[in-house]
Structures are given as C-alpha cells and as structure tokens.
Amino acid sequence: MSPSCAPIVLFVYNRPHHTAETIAALQANDLSLHSDLIVFSDGPKKPEHAKNVQAVRNLLDNITGFKSVEIRASEQNNG
C-alpha cells in the first residue's frame, strides 16, 4: 500500500537556477513518487523578466519523479 501524501505546492517566478535546485531537492525525497506536485508560475512583472520566466517554464515542462505534476502558468503578473 502506498502512503497518502499531502500535495506539494511550489510557487516560481524568474529564477531558473533556484527552481532547478528546489525541484531536485523535492525529487530526492523518498515520498516524491507518491506526491502530487502543483506549480504556480507567475507571469513577468516587467518585459525584461520574460526571458527568465520562460527559462523557468522550460524547466517545468520536463519535471518527473512525482505521482502527478500540474503546472498553472499565468500570462500576467499576479504579484
């Protein structure tokens, strides 16, 4: 019987290196394969942030190692 785990919620913005490190740390957890991951990706606040926001979203497209992965990407910045 697999354990019942609360979902993991991750909020990301425009820091691809930090996002990659956080995802790797979560994946290393023994219960990650039994956990749902929900990621909220905010839209760029300024045009110059768009490149890094997109880099973060590219990382999100390839996440594995969880029971399920749900990405909620906003086109506008919600603060």
PDB file of N, CA and C in Angstrom:
ATOM      1  N   MET A   1       0.843  -1.187   0.000  1.00  0.00           N
ATOM      2  CA  MET A   1       0.000   0.000   0.000  1.00  0.00           C
ATOM      3  C   MET A   1       0.883   1.244   0.000  1.00  0.00           C
ATOM      4  N   SER A   2       0.600   2.174  -0.887  1.00  0.00           N
ATOM      5  CA  SER A   2       1.399   3.393  -0.943  1.00  0.00           C
ATOM      6  C   SER A   2       0.897   4.401   0.084  1.00  0.00           C
ATOM      7  N   PRO A   3       1.810   5.204   0.622  1.00  0.00           N
ATOM      8  CA  PRO A   3       1.409   6.191   1.626  1.00  0.00           C
ATOM      9  C   PRO A   3       0.542   7.288   1.025  1.00  0.00           C
ATOM     10  N   SER A   4      -0.290   7.876   1.861  1.00  0.00           N
ATOM     11  CA  SER A   4      -1.116   9.003   1.444  1.00  0.00           C
ATOM     12  C   SER A   4      -0.366  10.283   1.799  1.00  0.00           C
ATOM     13  N   CYS A   5      -0.043  11.063   0.780  1.00  0.00           N
ATOM     14  CA  CYS A   5       0.766  12.268   0.990  1.00  0.00           C
ATOM     15  C   CYS A   5      -0.028  13.510   0.621  1.00  0.00           C
ATOM     16  N   ALA A   6       0.206  14.567   1.370  1.00  0.00           N
ATOM     17  CA  ALA A   6      -0.376  15.862   1.020  1.00  0.00           C
ATOM     18  C   ALA A   6       0.308  16.362  -0.248  1.00  0.00           C
ATOM     19  N   PRO A   7      -0.400  17.127  -1.078  1.00  0.00           N
ATOM     20  CA  PRO A   7       0.245  17.662  -2.279  1.00  0.00           C
ATOM     21  C   PRO A   7       1.340  18.666  -1.917  1.00  0.00           C
ATOM     22  N   ILE A   8       2.286  18.785  -2.808  1.00  0.00           N
ATOM     23  CA  ILE A   8       3.352  19.765  -2.679  1.00  0.00           C
ATOM     24  C   ILE A   8       2.986  20.932  -3.580  1.00  0.00           C
ATOM     25  N   VAL A   9       3.020  22.146  -3.051  1.00  0.00           N
ATOM     26  CA  VAL A   9       2.728  23.350  -3.839  1.00  0.00           C
ATOM     27  C   VAL A   9       4.003  24.178  -3.912  1.00  0.00           C
ATOM     28  N   LEU A  10       4.375  24.543  -5.139  1.00  0.00           N
ATOM     29  CA  LEU A  10       5.599  25.304  -5.369  1.00  0.00           C
ATOM     30  C   LEU A  10       5.252  26.551  -6.171  1.00  0.00           C
ATOM     31  N   PHE A  11       5.696  27.694  -5.688  1.00  0.00           N
ATOM     32  CA  PHE A  11       5.491  28.967  -6.388  1.00  0.00           C
ATOM     33  C   PHE A  11       6.832  29.372  -7.003  1.00  0.00           C
ATOM     34  N   VAL A  12       6.817  29.681  -8.310  1.00  0.00           N
ATOM     35  CA  VAL A  12       8.048  30.053  -9.006  1.00  0.00           C
ATOM     36  C   VAL A  12       7.827  31.346  -9.778  1.00  0.00           C
ATOM     37  N   TYR A  13       8.957  32.002 -10.093  1.00  0.00           N
ATOM     38  CA  TYR A  13       8.860  33.236 -10.865  1.00  0.00           C
ATOM     39  C   TYR A  13       9.938  33.283 -11.939  1.00  0.00           C
ATOM     40  N   ASN A  14      11.091  33.887 -11.641  1.00  0.00           N
ATOM     41  CA  ASN A  14      12.075  34.114 -12.697  1.00  0.00           C
ATOM     42  C   ASN A  14      13.493  33.714 -12.290  1.00  0.00           C
ATOM     43  N   ARG A  15      13.627  32.691 -11.494  1.00  0.00           N
ATOM     44  CA  ARG A  15      14.942  32.236 -11.044  1.00  0.00           C
ATOM     45  C   ARG A  15      15.148  30.774 -11.427  1.00  0.00           C
ATOM     46  N   PRO A  16      15.583  30.523 -12.661  1.00  0.00           N
ATOM     47  CA  PRO A  16      15.700  29.140 -13.128  1.00  0.00           C
ATOM     48  C   PRO A  16      16.661  28.291 -12.295  1.00  0.00           C
ATOM     49  N   HIS A  17      17.777  28.860 -11.863  1.00  0.00           N
ATOM     50  CA  HIS A  17      18.735  28.078 -11.078  1.00  0.00           C
ATOM     51  C   HIS A  17      18.130  27.639  -9.745  1.00  0.00           C
ATOM     52  N   HIS A  18      17.473  28.554  -9.054  1.00  0.00           N
ATOM     53  CA  HIS A  18      16.836  28.214  -7.783  1.00  0.00           C
ATOM     54  C   HIS A  18      15.700  27.211  -7.991  1.00  0.00           C
ATOM     55  N   THR A  19      14.956  27.385  -9.065  1.00  0.00           N
ATOM     56  CA  THR A  19      13.861  26.456  -9.362  1.00  0.00           C
ATOM     57  C   THR A  19      14.400  25.050  -9.594  1.00  0.00           C
ATOM     58  N   ALA A  20      15.465  24.938 -10.377  1.00  0.00           N
ATOM     59  CA  ALA A  20      16.061  23.628 -10.652  1.00  0.00           C
ATOM     60  C   ALA A  20      16.564  22.972  -9.370  1.00  0.00           C
ATOM     61  N   GLU A  21      17.201  23.740  -8.513  1.00  0.00           N
ATOM     62  CA  GLU A  21      17.687  23.198  -7.242  1.00  0.00           C
ATOM     63  C   GLU A  21      16.543  22.735  -6.351  1.00  0.00           C
ATOM     64  N   THR A  22      15.472  23.510  -6.300  1.00  0.00           N
ATOM     65  CA  THR A  22      14.324  23.155  -5.465  1.00  0.00           C
ATOM     66  C   THR A  22      13.656  21.888  -5.976  1.00  0.00           C
ATOM     67  N   ILE A  23      13.466  21.796  -7.281  1.00  0.00           N
ATOM     68  CA  ILE A  23      12.845  20.601  -7.853  1.00  0.00           C
ATOM     69  C   ILE A  23      13.709  19.370  -7.591  1.00  0.00           C
ATOM     70  N   ALA A  24      15.027  19.505  -7.750  1.00  0.00           N
ATOM     71  CA  ALA A  24      15.932  18.379  -7.487  1.00  0.00           C
ATOM     72  C   ALA A  24      15.843  17.927  -6.034  1.00  0.00           C
ATOM     73  N   ALA A  25      15.763  18.879  -5.114  1.00  0.00           N
ATOM     74  CA  ALA A  25      15.645  18.528  -3.692  1.00  0.00           C
ATOM     75  C   ALA A  25      14.324  17.814  -3.409  1.00  0.00           C
ATOM     76  N   LEU A  26      13.250  18.277  -4.031  1.00  0.00           N
ATOM     77  CA  LEU A  26      11.957  17.611  -3.848  1.00  0.00           C
ATOM     78  C   LEU A  26      11.975  16.206  -4.447  1.00  0.00           C
ATOM     79  N   GLN A  27      12.578  16.055  -5.609  1.00  0.00           N
ATOM     80  CA  GLN A  27      12.660  14.746  -6.258  1.00  0.00           C
ATOM     81  C   GLN A  27      13.470  13.753  -5.427  1.00  0.00           C
ATOM     82  N   ALA A  28      14.434  14.241  -4.673  1.00  0.00           N
ATOM     83  CA  ALA A  28      15.289  13.377  -3.858  1.00  0.00           C
ATOM     84  C   ALA A  28      14.565  12.827  -2.631  1.00  0.00           C
ATOM     85  N   ASN A  29      13.411  13.382  -2.314  1.00  0.00           N
ATOM     86  CA  ASN A  29      12.646  12.923  -1.162  1.00  0.00           C
ATOM     87  C   ASN A  29      12.101  11.526  -1.424  1.00  0.00           C
ATOM     88  N   ASP A  30      12.145  10.669  -0.419  1.00  0.00           N
ATOM     89  CA  ASP A  30      11.678   9.283  -0.554  1.00  0.00           C
ATOM     90  C   ASP A  30      10.210   9.170  -0.963  1.00  0.00           C
ATOM     91  N   LEU A  31       9.410  10.165  -0.633  1.00  0.00           N
ATOM     92  CA  LEU A  31       7.981  10.090  -0.914  1.00  0.00           C
ATOM     93  C   LEU A  31       7.558  10.859  -2.166  1.00  0.00           C
ATOM     94  N   SER A  32       8.518  11.357  -2.927  1.00  0.00           N
ATOM     95  CA  SER A  32       8.147  12.162  -4.108  1.00  0.00           C
ATOM     96  C   SER A  32       7.300  11.373  -5.100  1.00  0.00           C
ATOM     97  N   LEU A  33       7.581  10.105  -5.279  1.00  0.00           N
ATOM     98  CA  LEU A  33       6.806   9.296  -6.230  1.00  0.00           C
ATOM     99  C   LEU A  33       5.357   9.091  -5.794  1.00  0.00           C
ATOM    100  N   HIS A  34       5.061   9.387  -4.539  1.00  0.00           N
ATOM    101  CA  HIS A  34       3.701   9.248  -4.013  1.00  0.00           C
ATOM    102  C   HIS A  34       3.025  10.604  -3.844  1.00  0.00           C
ATOM    103  N   SER A  35       3.694  11.669  -4.277  1.00  0.00           N
ATOM    104  CA  SER A  35       3.219  13.034  -4.040  1.00  0.00           C
ATOM    105  C   SER A  35       2.809  13.729  -5.333  1.00  0.00           C
ATOM    106  N   ASP A  36       1.701  14.458  -5.262  1.00  0.00           N
ATOM    107  CA  ASP A  36       1.286  15.324  -6.362  1.00  0.00           C
ATOM    108  C   ASP A  36       2.022  16.649  -6.213  1.00  0.00           C
ATOM    109  N   LEU A  37       2.525  17.176  -7.326  1.00  0.00           N
ATOM    110  CA  LEU A  37       3.211  18.461  -7.327  1.00  0.00           C
ATOM    111  C   LEU A  37       2.377  19.454  -8.121  1.00  0.00           C
ATOM    112  N   ILE A  38       2.062  20.572  -7.492  1.00  0.00           N
ATOM    113  CA  ILE A  38       1.323  21.653  -8.153  1.00  0.00           C
ATOM    114  C   ILE A  38       2.233  22.872  -8.157  1.00  0.00           C
ATOM    115  N   VAL A  39       2.515  23.396  -9.363  1.00  0.00           N
ATOM    116  CA  VAL A  39       3.430  24.523  -9.505  1.00  0.00           C
ATOM    117  C   VAL A  39       2.666  25.716 -10.053  1.00  0.00           C
ATOM    118  N   PHE A  40       2.792  26.842  -9.364  1.00  0.00           N
ATOM    119  CA  PHE A  40       2.220  28.111  -9.818  1.00  0.00           C
ATOM    120  C   PHE A  40       3.356  28.972 -10.348  1.00  0.00           C
ATOM    121  N   SER A  41       3.284  29.327 -11.632  1.00  0.00           N
ATOM    122  CA  SER A  41       4.305  30.143 -12.276  1.00  0.00           C
ATOM    123  C   SER A  41       3.693  31.481 -12.653  1.00  0.00           C
ATOM    124  N   ASP A  42       4.140  32.535 -11.979  1.00  0.00           N
ATOM    125  CA  ASP A  42       3.609  33.873 -12.221  1.00  0.00           C
ATOM    126  C   ASP A  42       4.175  34.438 -13.518  1.00  0.00           C
ATOM    127  N   GLY A  43       3.411  35.296 -14.163  1.00  0.00           N
ATOM    128  CA  GLY A  43       3.858  35.953 -15.386  1.00  0.00           C
ATOM    129  C   GLY A  43       4.852  37.060 -15.082  1.00  0.00           C
ATOM    130  N   PRO A  44       5.565  37.519 -16.112  1.00  0.00           N
ATOM    131  CA  PRO A  44       6.574  38.560 -15.898  1.00  0.00           C
ATOM    132  C   PRO A  44       5.969  39.884 -15.459  1.00  0.00           C
ATOM    133  N   LYS A  45       6.611  40.503 -14.479  1.00  0.00           N
ATOM    134  CA  LYS A  45       6.186  41.816 -13.992  1.00  0.00           C
ATOM    135  C   LYS A  45       6.643  42.910 -14.949  1.00  0.00           C
ATOM    136  N   LYS A  46       7.842  42.731 -15.510  1.00  0.00           N
ATOM    137  CA  LYS A  46       8.433  43.689 -16.447  1.00  0.00           C
ATOM    138  C   LYS A  46       8.887  42.918 -17.682  1.00  0.00           C
ATOM    139  N   PRO A  47       8.932  43.565 -18.836  1.00  0.00           N
ATOM    140  CA  PRO A  47       9.370  42.878 -20.056  1.00  0.00           C
ATOM    141  C   PRO A  47      10.748  42.219 -19.915  1.00  0.00           C
ATOM    142  N   GLU A  48      11.628  42.830 -19.154  1.00  0.00           N
ATOM    143  CA  GLU A  48      12.972  42.261 -19.006  1.00  0.00           C
ATOM    144  C   GLU A  48      12.999  40.984 -18.163  1.00  0.00           C
ATOM    145  N   HIS A  49      11.907  40.670 -17.500  1.00  0.00           N
ATOM    146  CA  HIS A  49      11.820  39.434 -16.720  1.00  0.00           C
ATOM    147  C   HIS A  49      11.337  38.258 -17.564  1.00  0.00           C
ATOM    148  N   ALA A  50      10.809  38.528 -18.739  1.00  0.00           N
ATOM    149  CA  ALA A  50      10.179  37.488 -19.560  1.00  0.00           C
ATOM    150  C   ALA A  50      11.131  36.351 -19.915  1.00  0.00           C
ATOM    151  N   LYS A  51      12.384  36.658 -20.191  1.00  0.00           N
ATOM    152  CA  LYS A  51      13.344  35.617 -20.572  1.00  0.00           C
ATOM    153  C   LYS A  51      13.543  34.602 -19.450  1.00  0.00           C
ATOM    154  N   ASN A  52      13.714  35.083 -18.230  1.00  0.00           N
ATOM    155  CA  ASN A  52      13.914  34.161 -17.106  1.00  0.00           C
ATOM    156  C   ASN A  52      12.630  33.439 -16.714  1.00  0.00           C
ATOM    157  N   VAL A  53      11.495  34.108 -16.841  1.00  0.00           N
ATOM    158  CA  VAL A  53      10.214  33.425 -16.588  1.00  0.00           C
ATOM    159  C   VAL A  53      10.070  32.266 -17.566  1.00  0.00           C
ATOM    160  N   GLN A  54      10.411  32.489 -18.825  1.00  0.00           N
ATOM    161  CA  GLN A  54      10.320  31.419 -19.823  1.00  0.00           C
ATOM    162  C   GLN A  54      11.320  30.309 -19.538  1.00  0.00           C
ATOM    163  N   ALA A  55      12.511  30.658 -19.073  1.00  0.00           N
ATOM    164  CA  ALA A  55      13.510  29.643 -18.720  1.00  0.00           C
ATOM    165  C   ALA A  55      12.998  28.752 -17.593  1.00  0.00           C
ATOM    166  N   VAL A  56      12.340  29.352 -16.607  1.00  0.00           N
ATOM    167  CA  VAL A  56      11.743  28.576 -15.521  1.00  0.00           C
ATOM    168  C   VAL A  56      10.665  27.649 -16.080  1.00  0.00           C
ATOM    169  N   ARG A  57       9.832  28.159 -16.950  1.00  0.00           N
ATOM    170  CA  ARG A  57       8.746  27.343 -17.509  1.00  0.00           C
ATOM    171  C   ARG A  57       9.282  26.202 -18.363  1.00  0.00           C
ATOM    172  N   ASN A  58      10.398  26.416 -19.024  1.00  0.00           N
ATOM    173  CA  ASN A  58      11.014  25.325 -19.783  1.00  0.00           C
ATOM    174  C   ASN A  58      11.447  24.201 -18.848  1.00  0.00           C
ATOM    175  N   LEU A  59      11.948  24.553 -17.669  1.00  0.00           N
ATOM    176  CA  LEU A  59      12.296  23.539 -16.666  1.00  0.00           C
ATOM    177  C   LEU A  59      11.052  22.772 -16.215  1.00  0.00           C
ATOM    178  N   LEU A  60       9.969  23.492 -16.039  1.00  0.00           N
ATOM    179  CA  LEU A  60       8.737  22.880 -15.538  1.00  0.00           C
ATOM    180  C   LEU A  60       8.175  21.853 -16.515  1.00  0.00           C
ATOM    181  N   ASP A  61       8.413  22.055 -17.798  1.00  0.00           N
ATOM    182  CA  ASP A  61       7.879  21.144 -18.818  1.00  0.00           C
ATOM    183  C   ASP A  61       8.475  19.747 -18.728  1.00  0.00           C
ATOM    184  N   ASN A  62       9.589  19.595 -18.037  1.00  0.00           N
ATOM    185  CA  ASN A  62      10.294  18.310 -18.005  1.00  0.00           C
ATOM    186  C   ASN A  62      10.360  17.675 -16.624  1.00  0.00           C
ATOM    187  N   ILE A  63       9.501  18.085 -15.721  1.00  0.00           N
ATOM    188  CA  ILE A  63       9.535  17.538 -14.358  1.00  0.00           C
ATOM    189  C   ILE A  63       9.021  16.106 -14.353  1.00  0.00           C
ATOM    190  N   THR A  64       9.781  15.240 -13.709  1.00  0.00           N
ATOM    191  CA  THR A  64       9.370  13.854 -13.475  1.00  0.00           C
ATOM    192  C   THR A  64       9.647  13.534 -12.011  1.00  0.00           C
ATOM    193  N   GLY A  65       9.248  12.337 -11.596  1.00  0.00           N
ATOM    194  CA  GLY A  65       9.574  11.886 -10.255  1.00  0.00           C
ATOM    195  C   GLY A  65       8.495  12.127  -9.219  1.00  0.00           C
ATOM    196  N   PHE A  66       7.296  12.476  -9.683  1.00  0.00           N
ATOM    197  CA  PHE A  66       6.172  12.709  -8.781  1.00  0.00           C
ATOM    198  C   PHE A  66       4.972  11.886  -9.259  1.00  0.00           C
ATOM    199  N   LYS A  67       4.037  11.673  -8.369  1.00  0.00           N
ATOM    200  CA  LYS A  67       2.814  10.957  -8.732  1.00  0.00           C
ATOM    201  C   LYS A  67       2.118  11.677  -9.881  1.00  0.00           C
ATOM    202  N   SER A  68       2.019  12.996  -9.787  1.00  0.00           N
ATOM    203  CA  SER A  68       1.473  13.822 -10.864  1.00  0.00           C
ATOM    204  C   SER A  68       2.095  15.207 -10.763  1.00  0.00           C
ATOM    205  N   VAL A  69       2.071  15.917 -11.891  1.00  0.00           N
ATOM    206  CA  VAL A  69       2.589  17.288 -11.932  1.00  0.00           C
ATOM    207  C   VAL A  69       1.556  18.148 -12.630  1.00  0.00           C
ATOM    208  N   GLU A  70       1.146  19.214 -11.967  1.00  0.00           N
ATOM    209  CA  GLU A  70       0.200  20.178 -12.538  1.00  0.00           C
ATOM    210  C   GLU A  70       0.878  21.546 -12.556  1.00  0.00           C
ATOM    211  N   ILE A  71       0.932  22.158 -13.731  1.00  0.00           N
ATOM    212  CA  ILE A  71       1.549  23.472 -13.885  1.00  0.00           C
ATOM    213  C   ILE A  71       0.445  24.485 -14.129  1.00  0.00           C
ATOM    214  N   ARG A  72       0.412  25.517 -13.324  1.00  0.00           N
ATOM    215  CA  ARG A  72      -0.535  26.620 -13.508  1.00  0.00           C
ATOM    216  C   ARG A  72       0.266  27.876 -13.829  1.00  0.00           C
ATOM    217  N   ALA A  73       0.358  28.184 -15.113  1.00  0.00           N
ATOM    218  CA  ALA A  73       1.155  29.315 -15.583  1.00  0.00           C
ATOM    219  C   ALA A  73       0.255  30.490 -15.903  1.00  0.00           C
ATOM    220  N   SER A  74       0.574  31.616 -15.310  1.00  0.00           N
ATOM    221  CA  SER A  74      -0.183  32.842 -15.546  1.00  0.00           C
ATOM    222  C   SER A  74       0.543  33.691 -16.576  1.00  0.00           C
ATOM    223  N   GLU A  75      -0.212  34.249 -17.507  1.00  0.00           N
ATOM    224  CA  GLU A  75       0.401  35.124 -18.512  1.00  0.00           C
ATOM    225  C   GLU A  75       0.657  36.519 -17.954  1.00  0.00           C
ATOM    226  N   GLN A  76      -0.116  36.910 -16.956  1.00  0.00           N
ATOM    227  CA  GLN A  76       0.098  38.217 -16.324  1.00  0.00           C
ATOM    228  C   GLN A  76       0.698  38.030 -14.955  1.00  0.00           C
ATOM    229  N   ASN A  77       1.275  39.078 -14.431  1.00  0.00           N
ATOM    230  CA  ASN A  77       1.866  39.013 -13.103  1.00  0.00           C
ATOM    231  C   ASN A  77       0.797  39.274 -12.062  1.00  0.00           C
ATOM    232  N   ASN A  78       0.690  38.349 -11.118  1.00  0.00           N
ATOM    233  CA  ASN A  78      -0.306  38.458 -10.060  1.00  0.00           C
ATOM    234  C   ASN A  78       0.295  38.927  -8.739  1.00  0.00           C
ATOM    235  N   GLY A  79       1.596  39.169  -8.752  1.00  0.00           N
ATOM    236  CA  GLY A  79       2.239  39.661  -7.535  1.00  0.00           C
ATOM    237  C   GLY A  79       2.590  38.602  -6.633  1.00  0.00           C
TER     238      GLY A  79
END
